[in-house]
């Protein structure tokens, strides 16, 4: 195994554990079984750093373990969490945080993609999966999905952007060395 794959495996383990731990912070919303989820900000950081496969596995494993603490995993939402990380992981080569750069353009791209990813996974994947697999009522699951998409988008826009910015600031900029 090469160093990059070793780092990805470690990132998956740490990211999944953080997903579970942070998910214990339960801030409810007025919509049943829907809460403010801070772990998606951390998942977005790991996804952008390590790419689509680790991003998917962090969300999938983390959400499955979180749900297993309270009974059976709700697989449609577990898959949605994984897909969120997968989609954001494709930004690894587009956002230059490894170079120590996180410009307004990068912030804009990150937030457009994360909002679209949140809308897709929580307003399409999770609700249709709930209807198809669990025979849940459409009005209930689409309401939950819309609230989850909105809250997760806002959480990731604030906390995810700050985490990516902080990570970028800790990296060496490619043109930071100058001859005196």
N, C-alpha and C. Protein backbone atom coordinates (compact mmCIF):
# COMPACT_ATOMS: atom_id res chain seq x y z
N UNK A 1 0.84 -1.18 0.00
CA UNK A 1 0.00 0.00 0.00
C UNK A 1 0.88 1.25 0.00
N UNK A 2 0.51 2.23 -0.80
CA UNK A 2 1.32 3.45 -0.80
C UNK A 2 0.90 4.39 0.32
N UNK A 3 1.69 5.43 0.50
CA UNK A 3 1.45 6.37 1.60
C UNK A 3 0.10 7.05 1.49
N UNK A 4 -0.30 7.43 0.26
CA UNK A 4 -1.59 8.09 0.09
C UNK A 4 -2.75 7.19 0.48
N UNK A 5 -2.69 5.90 0.12
CA UNK A 5 -3.78 5.01 0.49
C UNK A 5 -3.77 4.73 2.00
N UNK A 6 -2.59 4.69 2.60
CA UNK A 6 -2.52 4.54 4.06
C UNK A 6 -3.16 5.74 4.75
N UNK A 7 -2.86 6.94 4.25
CA UNK A 7 -3.46 8.15 4.82
C UNK A 7 -4.97 8.14 4.64
N UNK A 8 -5.44 7.66 3.49
CA UNK A 8 -6.89 7.61 3.24
C UNK A 8 -7.58 6.65 4.20
N UNK A 9 -6.95 5.49 4.47
CA UNK A 9 -7.54 4.51 5.39
C UNK A 9 -7.62 5.11 6.80
N UNK A 10 -6.56 5.77 7.22
CA UNK A 10 -6.56 6.41 8.53
C UNK A 10 -7.62 7.51 8.57
N UNK A 11 -7.71 8.30 7.50
CA UNK A 11 -8.71 9.38 7.42
C UNK A 11 -10.12 8.81 7.51
N UNK A 12 -10.37 7.69 6.86
CA UNK A 12 -11.70 7.07 6.92
C UNK A 12 -12.03 6.68 8.36
N UNK A 13 -11.08 6.07 9.05
CA UNK A 13 -11.31 5.69 10.44
C UNK A 13 -11.55 6.89 11.35
N UNK A 14 -10.68 7.89 11.24
CA UNK A 14 -10.81 9.07 12.08
C UNK A 14 -12.07 9.85 11.70
N UNK A 15 -12.30 10.01 10.40
CA UNK A 15 -13.48 10.75 9.95
C UNK A 15 -14.78 10.09 10.37
N UNK A 16 -14.83 8.76 10.27
CA UNK A 16 -16.04 8.03 10.69
C UNK A 16 -16.27 8.18 12.19
N UNK A 17 -15.19 8.08 12.96
CA UNK A 17 -15.30 8.24 14.41
C UNK A 17 -15.77 9.65 14.78
N UNK A 18 -15.19 10.65 14.12
CA UNK A 18 -15.63 12.03 14.37
C UNK A 18 -17.08 12.23 13.97
N UNK A 19 -17.50 11.61 12.88
CA UNK A 19 -18.89 11.70 12.43
C UNK A 19 -19.82 11.21 13.55
N UNK A 20 -19.49 10.07 14.14
CA UNK A 20 -20.32 9.49 15.21
C UNK A 20 -20.30 10.38 16.45
N UNK A 21 -19.12 10.81 16.84
CA UNK A 21 -18.99 11.60 18.07
C UNK A 21 -19.71 12.94 17.93
N UNK A 22 -19.48 13.63 16.82
CA UNK A 22 -20.10 14.94 16.63
C UNK A 22 -21.61 14.80 16.49
N UNK A 23 -22.07 13.69 15.91
CA UNK A 23 -23.52 13.46 15.76
C UNK A 23 -24.22 13.33 17.11
N UNK A 24 -23.47 13.08 18.17
CA UNK A 24 -24.08 12.99 19.50
C UNK A 24 -24.58 14.35 19.98
N UNK A 25 -24.07 15.42 19.37
CA UNK A 25 -24.58 16.76 19.67
C UNK A 25 -25.89 16.89 18.90
N UNK A 26 -26.97 16.73 19.60
CA UNK A 26 -28.29 16.69 18.96
C UNK A 26 -29.02 18.00 19.21
N UNK A 27 -29.16 18.79 18.16
CA UNK A 27 -29.88 20.07 18.24
C UNK A 27 -31.15 19.89 17.42
N UNK A 28 -32.28 19.63 18.08
CA UNK A 28 -33.51 19.29 17.34
C UNK A 28 -34.09 20.48 16.57
N UNK A 29 -34.88 20.13 15.56
CA UNK A 29 -35.66 21.12 14.81
C UNK A 29 -37.14 20.81 15.09
N UNK A 30 -38.04 21.67 14.66
CA UNK A 30 -39.47 21.38 14.86
C UNK A 30 -39.97 20.17 14.05
N UNK A 31 -39.19 19.72 13.07
CA UNK A 31 -39.59 18.59 12.24
C UNK A 31 -39.10 17.30 12.91
N UNK A 32 -39.99 16.31 13.14
CA UNK A 32 -39.59 15.07 13.81
C UNK A 32 -38.44 14.35 13.10
N UNK A 33 -37.55 13.76 13.88
CA UNK A 33 -36.41 12.98 13.40
C UNK A 33 -35.47 13.78 12.50
N UNK A 34 -35.43 15.08 12.69
CA UNK A 34 -34.55 15.95 11.92
C UNK A 34 -33.89 16.92 12.89
N UNK A 35 -32.56 17.01 12.82
CA UNK A 35 -31.84 17.90 13.73
C UNK A 35 -30.70 18.58 13.00
N UNK A 36 -30.12 19.57 13.65
CA UNK A 36 -28.95 20.25 13.09
C UNK A 36 -27.78 19.28 13.21
N UNK A 37 -27.11 19.02 12.11
CA UNK A 37 -26.06 18.00 12.05
C UNK A 37 -24.70 18.63 11.77
N UNK A 38 -23.91 18.82 12.79
CA UNK A 38 -22.61 19.46 12.66
C UNK A 38 -21.56 18.56 12.01
N UNK A 39 -21.79 17.26 12.02
CA UNK A 39 -20.78 16.33 11.50
C UNK A 39 -20.56 16.47 10.00
N UNK A 40 -21.53 17.05 9.29
CA UNK A 40 -21.37 17.19 7.84
C UNK A 40 -20.31 18.24 7.48
N UNK A 41 -20.04 19.18 8.38
CA UNK A 41 -18.96 20.13 8.15
C UNK A 41 -17.61 19.42 8.19
N UNK A 42 -17.45 18.52 9.16
CA UNK A 42 -16.21 17.75 9.26
C UNK A 42 -16.09 16.78 8.09
N UNK A 43 -17.20 16.14 7.72
CA UNK A 43 -17.16 15.24 6.57
C UNK A 43 -16.77 16.00 5.31
N UNK A 44 -17.24 17.22 5.16
CA UNK A 44 -16.89 18.00 3.97
C UNK A 44 -15.39 18.30 3.94
N UNK A 45 -14.80 18.60 5.08
CA UNK A 45 -13.35 18.83 5.14
C UNK A 45 -12.59 17.59 4.71
N UNK A 46 -12.92 16.44 5.30
CA UNK A 46 -12.23 15.19 4.96
C UNK A 46 -12.45 14.83 3.49
N UNK A 47 -13.63 15.07 2.98
CA UNK A 47 -13.94 14.74 1.58
C UNK A 47 -13.09 15.56 0.62
N UNK A 48 -12.97 16.85 0.89
CA UNK A 48 -12.18 17.71 0.01
C UNK A 48 -10.69 17.38 0.12
N UNK A 49 -10.23 17.01 1.30
CA UNK A 49 -8.81 16.68 1.48
C UNK A 49 -8.48 15.33 0.85
N UNK A 50 -9.31 14.30 1.08
CA UNK A 50 -8.95 12.94 0.71
C UNK A 50 -9.66 12.39 -0.53
N UNK A 51 -10.71 13.04 -0.99
CA UNK A 51 -11.36 12.63 -2.22
C UNK A 51 -12.66 11.89 -2.04
N UNK A 52 -13.24 11.44 -3.17
CA UNK A 52 -14.60 10.90 -3.17
C UNK A 52 -14.79 9.58 -2.41
N UNK A 53 -13.87 8.64 -2.53
CA UNK A 53 -14.07 7.34 -1.88
C UNK A 53 -13.98 7.48 -0.36
N UNK A 54 -12.93 8.11 0.18
CA UNK A 54 -12.93 8.33 1.63
C UNK A 54 -14.13 9.18 2.08
N UNK A 55 -14.50 10.19 1.30
CA UNK A 55 -15.67 11.01 1.64
C UNK A 55 -16.93 10.19 1.75
N UNK A 56 -17.13 9.28 0.78
CA UNK A 56 -18.30 8.40 0.82
C UNK A 56 -18.25 7.50 2.05
N UNK A 57 -17.11 6.84 2.26
CA UNK A 57 -17.01 5.87 3.36
C UNK A 57 -17.14 6.53 4.73
N UNK A 58 -16.63 7.74 4.89
CA UNK A 58 -16.77 8.45 6.16
C UNK A 58 -18.25 8.67 6.47
N UNK A 59 -19.01 9.16 5.48
CA UNK A 59 -20.44 9.38 5.69
C UNK A 59 -21.21 8.10 5.88
N UNK A 60 -20.90 7.11 5.05
CA UNK A 60 -21.63 5.84 5.10
C UNK A 60 -21.37 5.11 6.42
N UNK A 61 -20.10 4.91 6.75
CA UNK A 61 -19.75 4.19 7.98
C UNK A 61 -20.17 4.99 9.20
N UNK A 62 -19.86 6.29 9.20
CA UNK A 62 -20.20 7.13 10.35
C UNK A 62 -21.68 7.17 10.63
N UNK A 63 -22.49 7.34 9.57
CA UNK A 63 -23.95 7.40 9.77
C UNK A 63 -24.49 6.03 10.19
N UNK A 64 -23.98 4.97 9.60
CA UNK A 64 -24.44 3.62 9.99
C UNK A 64 -24.13 3.35 11.46
N UNK A 65 -22.94 3.69 11.91
CA UNK A 65 -22.58 3.49 13.32
C UNK A 65 -23.41 4.37 14.24
N UNK A 66 -23.64 5.61 13.82
CA UNK A 66 -24.47 6.52 14.62
C UNK A 66 -25.87 5.94 14.79
N UNK A 67 -26.48 5.51 13.70
CA UNK A 67 -27.83 4.94 13.76
C UNK A 67 -27.86 3.64 14.56
N UNK A 68 -26.81 2.82 14.45
CA UNK A 68 -26.77 1.54 15.15
C UNK A 68 -26.80 1.71 16.67
N UNK A 69 -26.37 2.87 17.16
CA UNK A 69 -26.41 3.13 18.60
C UNK A 69 -27.85 3.17 19.11
N UNK A 70 -28.77 3.52 18.23
CA UNK A 70 -30.17 3.69 18.63
C UNK A 70 -31.08 2.61 18.06
N UNK A 71 -30.50 1.56 17.51
CA UNK A 71 -31.29 0.48 16.91
C UNK A 71 -30.74 0.15 15.54
N UNK A 72 -31.62 0.08 14.58
CA UNK A 72 -31.20 -0.26 13.21
C UNK A 72 -30.85 0.98 12.41
N UNK A 73 -29.80 0.90 11.57
CA UNK A 73 -29.50 2.02 10.69
C UNK A 73 -30.65 2.30 9.72
N UNK A 74 -30.90 3.55 9.45
CA UNK A 74 -31.89 3.96 8.46
C UNK A 74 -31.13 4.10 7.15
N UNK A 75 -31.09 3.02 6.35
CA UNK A 75 -30.16 2.88 5.24
C UNK A 75 -30.29 3.93 4.15
N UNK A 76 -31.47 4.46 3.94
CA UNK A 76 -31.61 5.47 2.90
C UNK A 76 -30.85 6.75 3.28
N UNK A 77 -30.87 7.09 4.55
CA UNK A 77 -30.15 8.27 5.01
C UNK A 77 -28.66 7.98 5.16
N UNK A 78 -28.31 6.74 5.48
CA UNK A 78 -26.90 6.33 5.53
C UNK A 78 -26.29 6.48 4.13
N UNK A 79 -27.00 6.00 3.13
CA UNK A 79 -26.52 6.11 1.74
C UNK A 79 -26.43 7.58 1.34
N UNK A 80 -27.42 8.38 1.73
CA UNK A 80 -27.39 9.81 1.41
C UNK A 80 -26.17 10.49 2.02
N UNK A 81 -25.84 10.14 3.25
CA UNK A 81 -24.64 10.72 3.89
C UNK A 81 -23.38 10.34 3.12
N UNK A 82 -23.32 9.09 2.71
CA UNK A 82 -22.18 8.66 1.91
C UNK A 82 -22.08 9.40 0.58
N UNK A 83 -23.21 9.54 -0.09
CA UNK A 83 -23.22 10.24 -1.38
C UNK A 83 -22.83 11.71 -1.23
N UNK A 84 -23.20 12.33 -0.12
CA UNK A 84 -22.79 13.71 0.13
C UNK A 84 -21.26 13.81 0.14
N UNK A 85 -20.61 12.90 0.86
CA UNK A 85 -19.15 12.89 0.90
C UNK A 85 -18.53 12.58 -0.45
N UNK A 86 -19.15 11.66 -1.17
CA UNK A 86 -18.66 11.30 -2.51
C UNK A 86 -18.66 12.52 -3.43
N UNK A 87 -19.77 13.22 -3.46
CA UNK A 87 -19.89 14.40 -4.33
C UNK A 87 -18.86 15.46 -3.96
N UNK A 88 -18.75 15.77 -2.67
CA UNK A 88 -17.79 16.79 -2.26
C UNK A 88 -16.35 16.34 -2.49
N UNK A 89 -16.11 15.05 -2.46
CA UNK A 89 -14.77 14.53 -2.69
C UNK A 89 -14.24 14.84 -4.08
N UNK A 90 -15.13 15.05 -5.05
CA UNK A 90 -14.68 15.40 -6.39
C UNK A 90 -14.10 16.80 -6.45
N UNK A 91 -14.25 17.58 -5.39
CA UNK A 91 -13.65 18.91 -5.33
C UNK A 91 -12.16 18.86 -4.96
N UNK A 92 -11.67 17.68 -4.62
CA UNK A 92 -10.27 17.55 -4.19
C UNK A 92 -9.31 18.17 -5.19
N UNK A 93 -9.55 17.98 -6.46
CA UNK A 93 -8.64 18.50 -7.49
C UNK A 93 -9.02 19.90 -7.95
N UNK A 94 -10.16 20.39 -7.50
CA UNK A 94 -10.63 21.72 -7.93
C UNK A 94 -10.32 22.81 -6.91
N UNK A 95 -10.36 22.46 -5.64
CA UNK A 95 -10.11 23.43 -4.57
C UNK A 95 -8.67 23.24 -4.11
N UNK A 96 -7.94 24.32 -4.02
CA UNK A 96 -6.48 24.26 -3.84
C UNK A 96 -6.03 24.38 -2.39
N UNK A 97 -6.76 23.78 -1.47
CA UNK A 97 -6.37 23.91 -0.07
C UNK A 97 -5.04 23.24 0.24
N UNK A 98 -4.65 22.23 -0.55
CA UNK A 98 -3.36 21.57 -0.33
C UNK A 98 -2.20 22.51 -0.66
N UNK A 99 -2.48 23.51 -1.48
CA UNK A 99 -1.47 24.50 -1.85
C UNK A 99 -1.50 25.70 -0.91
N UNK A 100 -2.35 25.66 0.11
CA UNK A 100 -2.45 26.77 1.03
C UNK A 100 -3.35 27.89 0.52
N UNK A 101 -4.16 27.59 -0.49
CA UNK A 101 -5.03 28.59 -1.09
C UNK A 101 -6.49 28.20 -0.89
N UNK A 102 -7.28 29.17 -0.48
CA UNK A 102 -8.73 29.00 -0.38
C UNK A 102 -9.33 30.37 -0.66
N UNK A 103 -9.43 30.68 -1.93
CA UNK A 103 -9.84 32.00 -2.39
C UNK A 103 -11.37 32.13 -2.40
N UNK A 104 -11.84 33.31 -2.72
CA UNK A 104 -13.28 33.52 -2.84
C UNK A 104 -13.88 32.59 -3.90
N UNK A 105 -13.13 32.39 -4.98
CA UNK A 105 -13.59 31.48 -6.04
C UNK A 105 -13.73 30.06 -5.49
N UNK A 106 -12.77 29.61 -4.69
CA UNK A 106 -12.82 28.28 -4.07
C UNK A 106 -14.00 28.18 -3.10
N UNK A 107 -14.20 29.22 -2.31
CA UNK A 107 -15.30 29.24 -1.35
C UNK A 107 -16.64 29.18 -2.09
N UNK A 108 -16.75 29.95 -3.15
CA UNK A 108 -17.97 29.96 -3.95
C UNK A 108 -18.23 28.58 -4.55
N UNK A 109 -17.21 27.98 -5.17
CA UNK A 109 -17.35 26.65 -5.77
C UNK A 109 -17.73 25.62 -4.72
N UNK A 110 -17.03 25.62 -3.59
CA UNK A 110 -17.33 24.68 -2.51
C UNK A 110 -18.79 24.79 -2.08
N UNK A 111 -19.25 26.02 -1.88
CA UNK A 111 -20.61 26.21 -1.37
C UNK A 111 -21.68 25.91 -2.41
N UNK A 112 -21.45 26.21 -3.66
CA UNK A 112 -22.41 25.82 -4.71
C UNK A 112 -22.53 24.31 -4.76
N UNK A 113 -21.39 23.61 -4.76
CA UNK A 113 -21.41 22.15 -4.84
C UNK A 113 -22.05 21.54 -3.60
N UNK A 114 -21.71 22.04 -2.41
CA UNK A 114 -22.27 21.43 -1.19
C UNK A 114 -23.77 21.69 -1.09
N UNK A 115 -24.25 22.84 -1.52
CA UNK A 115 -25.69 23.11 -1.49
C UNK A 115 -26.41 22.19 -2.47
N UNK A 116 -25.87 22.06 -3.68
CA UNK A 116 -26.49 21.16 -4.67
C UNK A 116 -26.44 19.70 -4.18
N UNK A 117 -25.33 19.31 -3.56
CA UNK A 117 -25.21 17.95 -3.02
C UNK A 117 -26.24 17.73 -1.91
N UNK A 118 -26.37 18.69 -1.02
CA UNK A 118 -27.36 18.58 0.07
C UNK A 118 -28.77 18.47 -0.50
N UNK A 119 -29.10 19.30 -1.47
CA UNK A 119 -30.43 19.23 -2.09
C UNK A 119 -30.67 17.87 -2.73
N UNK A 120 -29.66 17.36 -3.44
CA UNK A 120 -29.80 16.07 -4.11
C UNK A 120 -29.98 14.92 -3.12
N UNK A 121 -29.10 14.85 -2.12
CA UNK A 121 -29.15 13.68 -1.23
C UNK A 121 -30.33 13.72 -0.28
N UNK A 122 -30.71 14.93 0.20
CA UNK A 122 -31.78 15.00 1.20
C UNK A 122 -33.16 15.25 0.60
N UNK A 123 -33.23 15.80 -0.61
CA UNK A 123 -34.54 16.06 -1.23
C UNK A 123 -34.89 15.07 -2.33
N UNK A 124 -33.93 14.22 -2.72
CA UNK A 124 -34.19 13.22 -3.76
C UNK A 124 -33.88 11.82 -3.24
N UNK A 125 -32.61 11.56 -2.95
CA UNK A 125 -32.17 10.21 -2.58
C UNK A 125 -32.88 9.71 -1.32
N UNK A 126 -32.77 10.46 -0.22
CA UNK A 126 -33.34 9.99 1.06
C UNK A 126 -34.87 9.87 1.01
N UNK A 127 -35.61 10.88 0.53
CA UNK A 127 -37.07 10.74 0.55
C UNK A 127 -37.59 9.64 -0.38
N UNK A 128 -37.06 9.60 -1.60
CA UNK A 128 -37.54 8.55 -2.51
C UNK A 128 -37.16 7.17 -2.00
N UNK A 129 -35.97 7.06 -1.38
CA UNK A 129 -35.59 5.79 -0.77
C UNK A 129 -36.50 5.41 0.37
N UNK A 130 -36.87 6.40 1.20
CA UNK A 130 -37.78 6.15 2.32
C UNK A 130 -39.15 5.67 1.83
N UNK A 131 -39.63 6.27 0.76
CA UNK A 131 -40.93 5.88 0.20
C UNK A 131 -40.84 4.48 -0.39
N UNK A 132 -39.80 4.22 -1.15
CA UNK A 132 -39.65 2.95 -1.86
C UNK A 132 -39.32 1.80 -0.90
N UNK A 133 -38.37 2.00 0.01
CA UNK A 133 -37.91 0.90 0.88
C UNK A 133 -38.76 0.77 2.15
N UNK A 134 -39.07 1.90 2.79
CA UNK A 134 -39.73 1.86 4.09
C UNK A 134 -41.22 2.19 4.03
N UNK A 135 -41.74 2.48 2.85
CA UNK A 135 -43.16 2.84 2.67
C UNK A 135 -43.58 4.00 3.57
N UNK A 136 -42.70 4.97 3.70
CA UNK A 136 -42.98 6.16 4.50
C UNK A 136 -43.90 7.10 3.72
N UNK A 137 -44.70 7.90 4.41
CA UNK A 137 -45.56 8.87 3.72
C UNK A 137 -44.73 9.97 3.05
N UNK A 138 -45.08 10.30 1.82
CA UNK A 138 -44.31 11.26 1.03
C UNK A 138 -44.22 12.62 1.69
N UNK A 139 -45.33 13.14 2.21
CA UNK A 139 -45.30 14.49 2.80
C UNK A 139 -44.33 14.55 3.98
N UNK A 140 -44.25 13.48 4.76
CA UNK A 140 -43.35 13.44 5.92
C UNK A 140 -41.89 13.45 5.47
N UNK A 141 -41.52 12.56 4.55
CA UNK A 141 -40.11 12.42 4.18
C UNK A 141 -39.61 13.59 3.34
N UNK A 142 -40.48 14.18 2.53
CA UNK A 142 -40.04 15.35 1.76
C UNK A 142 -39.88 16.56 2.67
N UNK A 143 -40.70 16.69 3.69
CA UNK A 143 -40.53 17.76 4.67
C UNK A 143 -39.22 17.57 5.43
N UNK A 144 -38.98 16.34 5.89
CA UNK A 144 -37.72 16.05 6.59
C UNK A 144 -36.52 16.34 5.69
N UNK A 145 -36.61 15.91 4.45
CA UNK A 145 -35.51 16.10 3.51
C UNK A 145 -35.23 17.56 3.22
N UNK A 146 -36.28 18.34 3.04
CA UNK A 146 -36.11 19.77 2.76
C UNK A 146 -35.48 20.48 3.96
N UNK A 147 -35.95 20.16 5.15
CA UNK A 147 -35.37 20.76 6.36
C UNK A 147 -33.91 20.33 6.51
N UNK A 148 -33.63 19.05 6.32
CA UNK A 148 -32.25 18.56 6.43
C UNK A 148 -31.35 19.24 5.40
N UNK A 149 -31.81 19.37 4.16
CA UNK A 149 -31.01 20.01 3.12
C UNK A 149 -30.69 21.45 3.48
N UNK A 150 -31.70 22.18 3.96
CA UNK A 150 -31.49 23.58 4.31
C UNK A 150 -30.54 23.75 5.48
N UNK A 151 -30.79 22.99 6.54
CA UNK A 151 -29.95 23.12 7.74
C UNK A 151 -28.53 22.64 7.46
N UNK A 152 -28.40 21.50 6.78
CA UNK A 152 -27.05 21.00 6.48
C UNK A 152 -26.29 21.95 5.55
N UNK A 153 -26.99 22.54 4.59
CA UNK A 153 -26.34 23.51 3.70
C UNK A 153 -25.81 24.70 4.48
N UNK A 154 -26.62 25.21 5.40
CA UNK A 154 -26.21 26.34 6.21
C UNK A 154 -25.04 25.97 7.14
N UNK A 155 -25.14 24.82 7.78
CA UNK A 155 -24.09 24.36 8.68
C UNK A 155 -22.76 24.19 7.94
N UNK A 156 -22.81 23.53 6.79
CA UNK A 156 -21.60 23.31 6.01
C UNK A 156 -21.07 24.63 5.43
N UNK A 157 -21.98 25.53 5.04
CA UNK A 157 -21.54 26.83 4.51
C UNK A 157 -20.75 27.60 5.56
N UNK A 158 -21.17 27.51 6.81
CA UNK A 158 -20.46 28.25 7.86
C UNK A 158 -19.28 27.43 8.39
N UNK A 159 -19.57 26.30 9.02
CA UNK A 159 -18.52 25.52 9.68
C UNK A 159 -17.59 24.83 8.68
N UNK A 160 -18.13 24.30 7.60
CA UNK A 160 -17.29 23.63 6.59
C UNK A 160 -16.34 24.61 5.93
N UNK A 161 -16.86 25.79 5.58
CA UNK A 161 -16.00 26.81 4.98
C UNK A 161 -14.90 27.23 5.94
N UNK A 162 -15.24 27.42 7.22
CA UNK A 162 -14.22 27.79 8.21
C UNK A 162 -13.17 26.69 8.38
N UNK A 163 -13.60 25.44 8.39
CA UNK A 163 -12.64 24.33 8.52
C UNK A 163 -11.70 24.27 7.31
N UNK A 164 -12.25 24.42 6.11
CA UNK A 164 -11.41 24.41 4.91
C UNK A 164 -10.45 25.59 4.90
N UNK A 165 -10.92 26.75 5.29
CA UNK A 165 -10.08 27.94 5.36
C UNK A 165 -8.92 27.73 6.34
N UNK A 166 -9.25 27.20 7.53
CA UNK A 166 -8.23 26.95 8.55
C UNK A 166 -7.22 25.92 8.06
N UNK A 167 -7.69 24.87 7.40
CA UNK A 167 -6.78 23.85 6.87
C UNK A 167 -5.85 24.47 5.82
N UNK A 168 -6.41 25.26 4.92
CA UNK A 168 -5.60 25.88 3.87
C UNK A 168 -4.53 26.79 4.48
N UNK A 169 -4.89 27.52 5.52
CA UNK A 169 -3.93 28.44 6.16
C UNK A 169 -2.77 27.69 6.79
N UNK A 170 -2.96 26.42 7.14
CA UNK A 170 -1.90 25.62 7.76
C UNK A 170 -0.97 24.99 6.74
N UNK A 171 -1.32 25.09 5.45
CA UNK A 171 -0.51 24.50 4.39
C UNK A 171 0.46 25.54 3.85
N UNK A 172 1.57 25.08 3.30
CA UNK A 172 2.52 26.00 2.67
C UNK A 172 1.98 26.40 1.32
N UNK A 173 2.00 27.69 1.06
CA UNK A 173 1.61 28.14 -0.27
C UNK A 173 2.73 27.81 -1.24
N UNK A 174 2.35 27.44 -2.45
CA UNK A 174 3.34 27.00 -3.42
C UNK A 174 4.34 28.11 -3.78
N UNK A 175 3.97 29.35 -3.66
CA UNK A 175 4.87 30.45 -3.99
C UNK A 175 5.30 31.23 -2.75
N UNK A 176 5.31 30.56 -1.58
CA UNK A 176 5.56 31.29 -0.33
C UNK A 176 7.06 31.51 -0.07
N UNK A 177 7.93 30.77 -0.72
CA UNK A 177 9.37 30.95 -0.49
C UNK A 177 9.91 32.04 -1.42
N UNK A 178 10.63 32.98 -0.84
CA UNK A 178 11.21 34.07 -1.62
C UNK A 178 12.68 34.20 -1.28
N UNK A 179 13.42 34.61 -2.27
CA UNK A 179 14.85 34.86 -2.05
C UNK A 179 15.02 36.24 -1.47
N UNK A 180 15.74 36.36 -0.36
CA UNK A 180 15.98 37.68 0.25
C UNK A 180 17.22 38.32 -0.32
